[in-house]
Amino acid sequence: MKRFNYKAKDRETGKVVKGSIQAENEQTAGKLLVEQGYIPDSVVEEGENSIFAKSQKRVTTKDRIMFTRQLATLIGAGLPLSASLRTVAEQTESKGMKGIAEEIITSVESGKSLYEAFSAHPEVFNGVYLALIQAGETSGTLDLALKRLADQEEKDAAMMSKIKGALVYPAIILVVVIAVLIFMMVAVVPQVENLYNDMGKELPGLTKFLVDMTHFFGDFWWLILIVIGAAGGGIYSFLKTPAGHRTMDTFKIKVPIFGGLFRKLYVSRFARTAEMMLATGVPMLDSITIAIEAVNNTVVEAEYSKSLEAIKSGKGLSEALTGLEYMLPLVPQMAGIGEESGKIDEMLGKAAQVYENELDNQINNISTMIEPVLMVVMAGVIGIVIGGTLLPIYSLVNSVSA
């Protein structure tokens, strides 16, 4: 299937509209537009391989959340599915999301189910999304399923944003320290060296070390850039491999301070997804399978997958989850309460909420703790550089005065 950008006039309102549509060829695209109530003015094949075209097709998490929430609202208000999709497509400002919405409309109007239409875009809609769409269609609660999806994606995006935000401040401090070091070593250290050479005096040990470092970086800056570039490229290529992916996932759950955050993030993501699946009517085994995939960490997923065999053998969810290495104890405990009360989904949701609240508090605490530590580190590094440049000058001044 090819993609065509079109400009057409609405047959009823006379309004000029622009968009994109998927079809076998230009003639088929024109026929589809006519069937949809448009009078085509121009239909041009999109340049699929151009960088601009690829950037236009990019769909962000925010785009997907807005699309999902608007669709849930319109369907919940009683608007027919096709009309709801078309309204959302017209309202969205994302060209990538608009194009995908147009393709979904074409698929739905050709007789496919919404699940089948969404399944054609796995790069945008993951397994959790598709499973909830399918369950919502089957049970007649599509608007509720879409609302749950939008709520969950908003929570997940907010949590990841907070974790990334906690890392921004250290990164800024690191950049400042490096900038100060470069300035001192380029502009100040050579002046101190020249001053000592003119007076025929020997440099102090710390200053000599800084001078040697300045000469090394000045003479071999090109080699340093090559090494950094090669190392960065090698690491990037390695992380794209299954082994590299697993290494990074292991690092996330083992790294000091942030490892605990990631573990709680994965547990809350698992519990929240399982809650959504079960509440929508998805069978237990399928719900847990999809919840494991939603974790998005290969190491944790492999550990959680051990519970599937236990569930298949007839064990309860609480027993299946007990003893898993990266499973925090509250989840199996709440699952056990849910099994007794017949409200497993509700109890899993409460467990997820507990860990989400803990994550919020821990992220705030880490941000507060990191600031003074970084200030001390920055002061220490800059102090060493200043000590190696200014103190020798004072020493020279004192010796000349004497």
Protein backbone atom coordinates (compact mmCIF):
# COMPACT_ATOMS: atom_id res chain seq x y z
CA MET A 1 0.00 0.00 0.00
CA LYS A 2 1.22 3.47 -0.89
CA ARG A 3 0.46 6.73 0.83
CA PHE A 4 -0.93 9.79 -0.96
CA ASN A 5 -1.29 13.38 0.13
CA TYR A 6 -4.50 14.92 -1.11
CA LYS A 7 -6.35 18.22 -1.38
CA ALA A 8 -10.09 17.90 -1.80
CA LYS A 9 -13.41 19.67 -1.29
CA ASP A 10 -16.12 18.37 1.00
CA ARG A 11 -19.15 17.66 -1.18
CA GLU A 12 -21.67 18.82 1.43
CA THR A 13 -19.99 21.84 3.02
CA GLY A 14 -17.69 22.91 0.21
CA LYS A 15 -14.84 23.12 2.70
CA VAL A 16 -11.32 22.48 1.34
CA VAL A 17 -9.51 19.76 3.30
CA LYS A 18 -6.00 18.36 3.16
CA GLY A 19 -4.70 15.04 4.44
CA SER A 20 -3.21 11.72 3.48
CA ILE A 21 -4.72 8.39 2.55
CA GLN A 22 -3.41 4.87 1.97
CA ALA A 23 -4.21 3.08 -1.28
CA GLU A 24 -2.77 0.81 -3.95
CA ASN A 25 -2.42 3.62 -6.50
CA GLU A 26 -3.51 7.17 -7.28
CA GLN A 27 -6.76 6.09 -8.96
CA THR A 28 -7.79 3.97 -5.97
CA ALA A 29 -6.99 6.83 -3.62
CA GLY A 30 -9.24 9.14 -5.67
CA LYS A 31 -12.10 6.60 -5.57
CA LEU A 32 -11.76 6.26 -1.80
CA LEU A 33 -11.97 10.02 -1.41
CA VAL A 34 -15.11 10.15 -3.54
CA GLU A 35 -16.67 7.37 -1.45
CA GLN A 36 -15.88 9.40 1.67
CA GLY A 37 -17.77 12.40 0.32
CA TYR A 38 -14.89 14.44 -1.09
CA ILE A 39 -14.21 15.90 -4.53
CA PRO A 40 -10.46 15.35 -5.11
CA ASP A 41 -8.45 18.31 -6.34
CA SER A 42 -4.98 16.76 -6.18
CA VAL A 43 -3.67 13.35 -5.12
CA VAL A 44 0.13 13.06 -4.94
CA GLU A 45 2.17 10.09 -3.75
CA GLU A 46 4.14 10.83 -0.58
CA GLY A 47 7.94 10.57 -0.64
CA GLU A 48 8.29 7.69 1.81
CA ASN A 49 12.08 7.67 1.84
CA SER A 50 12.70 11.36 2.40
CA ILE A 51 13.92 12.55 5.78
CA PHE A 52 11.17 15.18 5.84
CA ALA A 53 8.47 12.58 5.20
CA LYS A 54 9.76 10.35 7.99
CA SER A 55 9.83 13.26 10.44
CA GLN A 56 6.27 14.16 9.46
CA LYS A 57 5.13 10.58 10.22
CA ARG A 58 6.62 10.58 13.73
CA VAL A 59 4.05 10.07 16.48
CA THR A 60 4.89 11.08 20.05
CA THR A 61 3.41 9.71 23.26
CA LYS A 62 1.57 13.00 23.72
CA ASP A 63 0.02 12.67 20.24
CA ARG A 64 -1.16 9.16 21.01
CA ILE A 65 -2.61 10.17 24.40
CA MET A 66 -4.53 13.09 22.89
CA PHE A 67 -5.85 10.89 20.07
CA THR A 68 -6.94 8.18 22.51
CA ARG A 69 -8.64 10.53 24.96
CA GLN A 70 -10.52 12.44 22.26
CA LEU A 71 -11.68 9.20 20.65
CA ALA A 72 -12.87 7.88 24.04
CA THR A 73 -14.84 11.10 24.67
CA LEU A 74 -16.56 11.08 21.28
CA ILE A 75 -17.45 7.38 21.40
CA GLY A 76 -18.69 7.78 24.97
CA ALA A 77 -20.90 10.66 23.81
CA GLY A 78 -22.65 8.30 21.39
CA LEU A 79 -21.02 9.40 18.12
CA PRO A 80 -20.59 6.56 15.58
CA LEU A 81 -17.09 5.07 15.36
CA SER A 82 -16.35 6.29 11.84
CA ALA A 83 -17.54 9.81 12.62
CA SER A 84 -15.55 9.83 15.87
CA LEU A 85 -12.38 8.81 14.06
CA ARG A 86 -12.89 11.42 11.36
CA THR A 87 -13.50 14.17 13.93
CA VAL A 88 -10.36 13.26 15.85
CA ALA A 89 -8.34 13.12 12.62
CA GLU A 90 -9.49 16.63 11.71
CA GLN A 91 -8.70 18.01 15.16
CA THR A 92 -5.24 16.53 15.66
CA GLU A 93 -2.30 18.82 14.91
CA SER A 94 0.19 15.97 14.50
CA LYS A 95 0.66 15.13 10.83
CA GLY A 96 1.91 11.66 11.71
CA MET A 97 -1.13 10.92 13.89
CA LYS A 98 -3.45 12.44 11.31
CA GLY A 99 -2.06 10.16 8.61
CA ILE A 100 -2.46 7.08 10.78
CA ALA A 101 -6.00 8.14 11.72
CA GLU A 102 -6.84 8.45 8.02
CA GLU A 103 -5.54 4.93 7.39
CA ILE A 104 -7.58 3.60 10.33
CA ILE A 105 -10.69 5.31 8.94
CA THR A 106 -10.11 3.70 5.55
CA SER A 107 -9.70 0.27 7.14
CA VAL A 108 -12.79 0.63 9.35
CA GLU A 109 -14.95 1.88 6.47
CA SER A 110 -13.79 -1.07 4.36
CA GLY A 111 -15.27 -3.45 6.94
CA LYS A 112 -12.35 -4.19 9.26
CA SER A 113 -12.69 -4.08 13.02
CA LEU A 114 -11.05 -1.30 14.98
CA TYR A 115 -8.61 -3.83 16.44
CA GLU A 116 -7.54 -4.92 12.95
CA ALA A 117 -7.18 -1.29 11.84
CA PHE A 118 -5.00 -0.42 14.84
CA SER A 119 -2.95 -3.63 14.46
CA ALA A 120 -1.63 -2.34 11.13
CA HIS A 121 0.45 0.20 13.08
CA PRO A 122 2.43 -1.76 15.70
CA GLU A 123 5.08 0.97 15.75
CA VAL A 124 2.51 3.30 17.38
CA PHE A 125 0.12 0.98 19.23
CA ASN A 126 1.74 -1.65 21.45
CA GLY A 127 0.36 -4.99 22.66
CA VAL A 128 -1.35 -3.47 25.68
CA TYR A 129 -3.13 -0.93 23.52
CA LEU A 130 -4.29 -3.51 20.99
CA ALA A 131 -5.43 -5.98 23.66
CA LEU A 132 -7.57 -3.34 25.37
CA ILE A 133 -9.04 -2.23 22.04
CA GLN A 134 -9.98 -5.82 21.26
CA ALA A 135 -11.46 -6.38 24.72
CA GLY A 136 -13.37 -3.10 24.55
CA GLU A 137 -14.85 -3.99 21.16
CA THR A 138 -15.85 -7.45 22.34
CA SER A 139 -17.47 -6.25 25.57
CA GLY A 140 -19.03 -3.09 24.15
CA THR A 141 -17.00 -0.86 26.47
CA LEU A 142 -14.65 0.64 23.90
CA ASP A 143 -14.91 4.15 25.37
CA LEU A 144 -13.94 2.90 28.84
CA ALA A 145 -11.04 0.89 27.43
CA LEU A 146 -9.74 3.94 25.56
CA LYS A 147 -10.10 6.12 28.66
CA ARG A 148 -8.11 3.61 30.73
CA LEU A 149 -5.43 3.60 28.05
CA ALA A 150 -5.15 7.39 28.03
CA ASP A 151 -5.04 7.54 31.84
CA GLN A 152 -2.36 4.87 32.07
CA GLU A 153 -0.18 6.38 29.35
CA GLU A 154 -0.40 9.79 31.02
CA LYS A 155 0.69 8.31 34.36
CA ASP A 156 3.52 6.37 32.76
CA ALA A 157 4.72 9.39 30.77
CA ALA A 158 4.57 11.61 33.87
CA MET A 159 6.58 9.11 35.90
CA MET A 160 9.28 8.74 33.26
CA SER A 161 9.42 12.52 32.92
CA LYS A 162 10.05 12.85 36.67
CA ILE A 163 12.83 10.26 36.60
CA LYS A 164 14.48 11.98 33.64
CA GLY A 165 14.00 15.34 35.34
CA ALA A 166 15.93 14.07 38.37
CA LEU A 167 18.86 13.38 36.04
CA VAL A 168 18.79 16.78 34.32
CA TYR A 169 20.28 18.77 37.21
CA PRO A 170 23.33 16.48 37.61
CA ALA A 171 23.89 16.70 33.85
CA ILE A 172 23.82 20.50 33.94
CA ILE A 173 26.29 20.59 36.84
CA LEU A 174 28.60 18.21 34.97
CA VAL A 175 28.55 20.43 31.89
CA VAL A 176 29.34 23.50 34.02
CA VAL A 177 32.27 21.75 35.72
CA ILE A 178 33.70 20.61 32.37
CA ALA A 179 33.31 24.12 30.92
CA VAL A 180 35.13 25.69 33.89
CA LEU A 181 37.92 23.12 33.65
CA ILE A 182 38.39 23.74 29.94
CA PHE A 183 38.48 27.51 30.45
CA MET A 184 41.00 27.31 33.28
CA MET A 185 43.26 24.88 31.45
CA VAL A 186 43.15 26.80 28.17
CA ALA A 187 43.24 30.40 29.40
CA VAL A 188 44.85 30.36 32.86
CA VAL A 189 47.23 27.40 33.21
CA PRO A 190 49.43 28.39 30.21
CA GLN A 191 49.82 31.90 31.68
CA VAL A 192 51.00 30.45 35.00
CA GLU A 193 53.47 28.21 33.15
CA ASN A 194 54.86 31.14 31.18
CA LEU A 195 55.18 33.20 34.35
CA TYR A 196 57.21 30.51 36.11
CA ASN A 197 59.37 29.92 33.03
CA ASP A 198 60.17 33.65 32.77
CA MET A 199 61.25 33.71 36.40
CA GLY A 200 63.21 30.47 36.11
CA LYS A 201 61.35 28.80 38.94
CA GLU A 202 60.09 25.21 39.16
CA LEU A 203 56.35 24.62 39.01
CA PRO A 204 54.61 23.17 42.10
CA GLY A 205 53.50 19.54 41.77
CA LEU A 206 49.77 20.22 41.35
CA THR A 207 50.38 22.99 38.85
CA LYS A 208 52.82 20.82 36.88
CA PHE A 209 50.15 18.12 36.69
CA LEU A 210 47.63 20.62 35.29
CA VAL A 211 50.21 21.91 32.80
CA ASP A 212 50.97 18.39 31.60
CA MET A 213 47.26 17.71 31.19
CA THR A 214 46.86 20.94 29.23
CA HIS A 215 49.71 19.99 26.89
CA PHE A 216 48.32 16.50 26.41
CA PHE A 217 44.84 17.73 25.50
CA GLY A 218 46.30 20.45 23.31
CA ASP A 219 48.57 18.06 21.38
CA PHE A 220 46.23 15.09 21.12
CA TRP A 221 42.76 16.66 21.05
CA TRP A 222 42.08 14.99 17.69
CA LEU A 223 42.99 11.57 19.10
CA ILE A 224 40.76 12.14 22.11
CA LEU A 225 37.84 13.03 19.83
CA ILE A 226 38.45 9.89 17.75
CA VAL A 227 38.55 7.70 20.85
CA ILE A 228 35.40 9.29 22.29
CA GLY A 229 33.61 8.97 18.95
CA ALA A 230 34.67 5.36 18.47
CA ALA A 231 33.74 4.47 22.04
CA GLY A 232 30.38 6.21 21.75
CA GLY A 233 29.62 4.52 18.43
CA GLY A 234 30.69 1.14 19.77
CA ILE A 235 28.55 1.49 22.88
CA TYR A 236 25.57 2.67 20.83
CA SER A 237 25.91 -0.29 18.42
CA PHE A 238 26.29 -2.72 21.32
CA LEU A 239 23.18 -1.41 23.06
CA LYS A 240 21.19 -2.10 19.89
CA THR A 241 22.02 -5.82 20.14
CA PRO A 242 20.04 -8.24 22.36
CA ALA A 243 23.07 -8.61 24.64
CA GLY A 244 23.47 -4.85 24.89
CA HIS A 245 19.77 -4.39 25.55
CA ARG A 246 19.96 -6.93 28.35
CA THR A 247 23.07 -5.26 29.78
CA MET A 248 21.33 -1.88 29.91
CA ASP A 249 18.21 -3.40 31.45
CA THR A 250 20.35 -5.09 34.10
CA PHE A 251 22.16 -1.82 34.79
CA LYS A 252 18.84 -0.02 35.33
CA ILE A 253 17.77 -2.34 38.14
CA LYS A 254 21.24 -2.68 39.71
CA VAL A 255 22.52 0.92 39.63
CA PRO A 256 22.68 2.51 43.10
CA ILE A 257 19.87 4.91 44.10
CA PHE A 258 18.05 4.77 40.76
CA GLY A 259 17.86 0.96 40.68
CA GLY A 260 15.20 0.99 43.39
CA LEU A 261 13.24 3.59 41.43
CA PHE A 262 13.23 1.50 38.29
CA ARG A 263 12.14 -1.62 40.19
CA LYS A 264 9.14 0.21 41.62
CA LEU A 265 8.39 1.66 38.20
CA TYR A 266 8.34 -1.81 36.63
CA VAL A 267 6.21 -3.29 39.42
CA SER A 268 3.68 -0.44 39.26
CA ARG A 269 3.58 -0.72 35.45
CA PHE A 270 2.94 -4.46 35.70
CA ALA A 271 0.23 -4.12 38.34
CA ARG A 272 -1.50 -1.21 36.59
CA THR A 273 -1.56 -2.99 33.23
CA ALA A 274 -2.85 -6.22 34.79
CA GLU A 275 -5.58 -4.18 36.49
CA MET A 276 -6.66 -2.66 33.17
CA MET A 277 -6.65 -6.01 31.40
CA LEU A 278 -8.66 -7.82 34.07
CA ALA A 279 -11.12 -4.94 34.50
CA THR A 280 -11.82 -4.98 30.76
CA GLY A 281 -12.58 -8.70 30.79
CA VAL A 282 -9.35 -10.13 29.37
CA PRO A 283 -8.67 -13.68 30.72
CA MET A 284 -6.16 -14.01 33.57
CA LEU A 285 -3.37 -15.70 31.60
CA ASP A 286 -3.63 -13.24 28.72
CA SER A 287 -3.79 -10.31 31.14
CA ILE A 288 -0.61 -11.32 32.96
CA THR A 289 1.18 -12.07 29.68
CA ILE A 290 0.40 -8.59 28.35
CA ALA A 291 1.24 -6.98 31.71
CA ILE A 292 4.67 -8.64 31.61
CA GLU A 293 5.29 -7.32 28.09
CA ALA A 294 4.31 -3.82 29.27
CA VAL A 295 7.17 -3.79 31.81
CA ASN A 296 9.65 -2.98 29.01
CA ASN A 297 12.71 -4.53 30.67
CA THR A 298 13.95 -7.87 29.33
CA VAL A 299 15.52 -8.98 32.62
CA VAL A 300 12.43 -8.24 34.68
CA GLU A 301 10.15 -9.70 32.01
CA ALA A 302 12.10 -12.98 32.05
CA GLU A 303 11.73 -13.18 35.83
CA TYR A 304 8.03 -12.30 35.82
CA SER A 305 7.39 -14.84 33.03
CA LYS A 306 8.06 -17.64 35.52
CA SER A 307 4.62 -16.91 36.96
CA LEU A 308 2.90 -17.94 33.71
CA GLU A 309 3.70 -21.62 34.14
CA ALA A 310 2.34 -21.50 37.69
CA ILE A 311 -0.89 -19.90 36.46
CA LYS A 312 -1.20 -22.50 33.69
CA SER A 313 -0.87 -25.26 36.27
CA GLY A 314 -3.84 -23.87 38.18
CA LYS A 315 -2.15 -21.81 40.89
CA GLY A 316 -3.58 -18.46 41.96
CA LEU A 317 -1.99 -15.19 40.90
CA SER A 318 -0.75 -14.41 44.41
CA GLU A 319 1.08 -17.73 44.66
CA ALA A 320 2.46 -17.40 41.12
CA LEU A 321 3.95 -13.98 41.89
CA THR A 322 5.37 -14.86 45.29
CA GLY A 323 9.14 -15.34 45.36
CA LEU A 324 9.92 -13.65 42.05
CA GLU A 325 13.23 -11.76 42.36
CA TYR A 326 12.09 -8.34 41.15
CA MET A 327 8.50 -8.57 42.37
CA LEU A 328 7.90 -6.35 45.40
CA PRO A 329 5.88 -8.08 48.16
CA LEU A 330 2.82 -5.84 48.19
CA VAL A 331 1.62 -7.02 44.76
CA PRO A 332 1.21 -10.75 45.59
CA GLN A 333 -0.26 -9.79 48.97
CA MET A 334 -2.88 -7.55 47.38
CA ALA A 335 -3.52 -10.17 44.68
CA GLY A 336 -4.24 -12.68 47.47
CA ILE A 337 -6.74 -10.29 49.05
CA GLY A 338 -8.30 -9.78 45.63
CA GLU A 339 -8.64 -13.53 45.10
CA GLU A 340 -10.52 -13.84 48.38
CA SER A 341 -12.78 -10.87 47.73
CA GLY A 342 -13.24 -11.43 43.98
CA LYS A 343 -11.70 -8.03 43.18
CA ILE A 344 -8.22 -8.87 41.89
CA ASP A 345 -8.17 -5.98 39.41
CA GLU A 346 -9.10 -3.45 42.09
CA MET A 347 -6.46 -4.74 44.52
CA LEU A 348 -3.75 -4.69 41.84
CA GLY A 349 -4.71 -1.10 41.07
CA LYS A 350 -4.29 -0.17 44.75
CA ALA A 351 -0.87 -1.84 44.84
CA ALA A 352 0.16 0.10 41.74
CA GLN A 353 -1.04 3.33 43.34
CA VAL A 354 1.05 2.68 46.46
CA TYR A 355 4.24 2.23 44.44
CA GLU A 356 3.44 5.20 42.21
CA ASN A 357 3.11 7.39 45.30
CA GLU A 358 6.38 6.03 46.69
CA LEU A 359 8.07 6.78 43.40
CA ASP A 360 6.86 10.38 43.53
CA ASN A 361 8.24 10.83 47.04
CA GLN A 362 11.56 9.15 46.30
CA ILE A 363 12.16 11.16 43.15
CA ASN A 364 11.53 14.38 45.05
CA ASN A 365 13.86 13.27 47.85
CA ILE A 366 16.62 12.28 45.44
CA SER A 367 16.39 15.63 43.68
CA THR A 368 16.74 17.37 47.04
CA MET A 369 19.69 15.19 48.13
CA ILE A 370 21.61 15.42 44.87
CA GLU A 371 21.85 19.21 44.87
CA PRO A 372 24.18 19.69 47.91
CA VAL A 373 26.29 16.65 46.94
CA LEU A 374 26.86 18.02 43.46
CA MET A 375 27.69 21.46 44.82
CA VAL A 376 30.37 19.92 47.05
CA VAL A 377 31.80 17.90 44.14
CA MET A 378 31.82 20.94 41.86
CA ALA A 379 33.46 23.07 44.55
CA GLY A 380 36.11 20.40 45.10
CA VAL A 381 37.00 20.05 41.41
CA ILE A 382 37.10 23.79 40.82
CA GLY A 383 39.04 24.23 44.07
CA ILE A 384 41.75 21.86 42.84
CA VAL A 385 42.08 23.79 39.58
CA ILE A 386 42.16 27.14 41.34
CA GLY A 387 44.64 25.78 43.86
CA GLY A 388 46.90 24.70 41.03
CA THR A 389 46.75 28.09 39.29
CA LEU A 390 46.22 30.90 41.79
CA LEU A 391 48.28 29.63 44.73
CA PRO A 392 51.48 29.45 42.63
CA ILE A 393 50.87 33.07 41.60
CA TYR A 394 50.51 34.14 45.23
CA SER A 395 53.66 32.18 46.04
CA LEU A 396 55.57 34.04 43.32
CA VAL A 397 54.25 37.40 44.49
CA ASN A 398 55.33 36.65 48.07
CA SER A 399 58.79 35.52 46.94
CA VAL A 400 59.26 38.68 44.85
CA SER A 401 58.11 40.87 47.75
CA ALA A 402 60.55 39.13 50.07
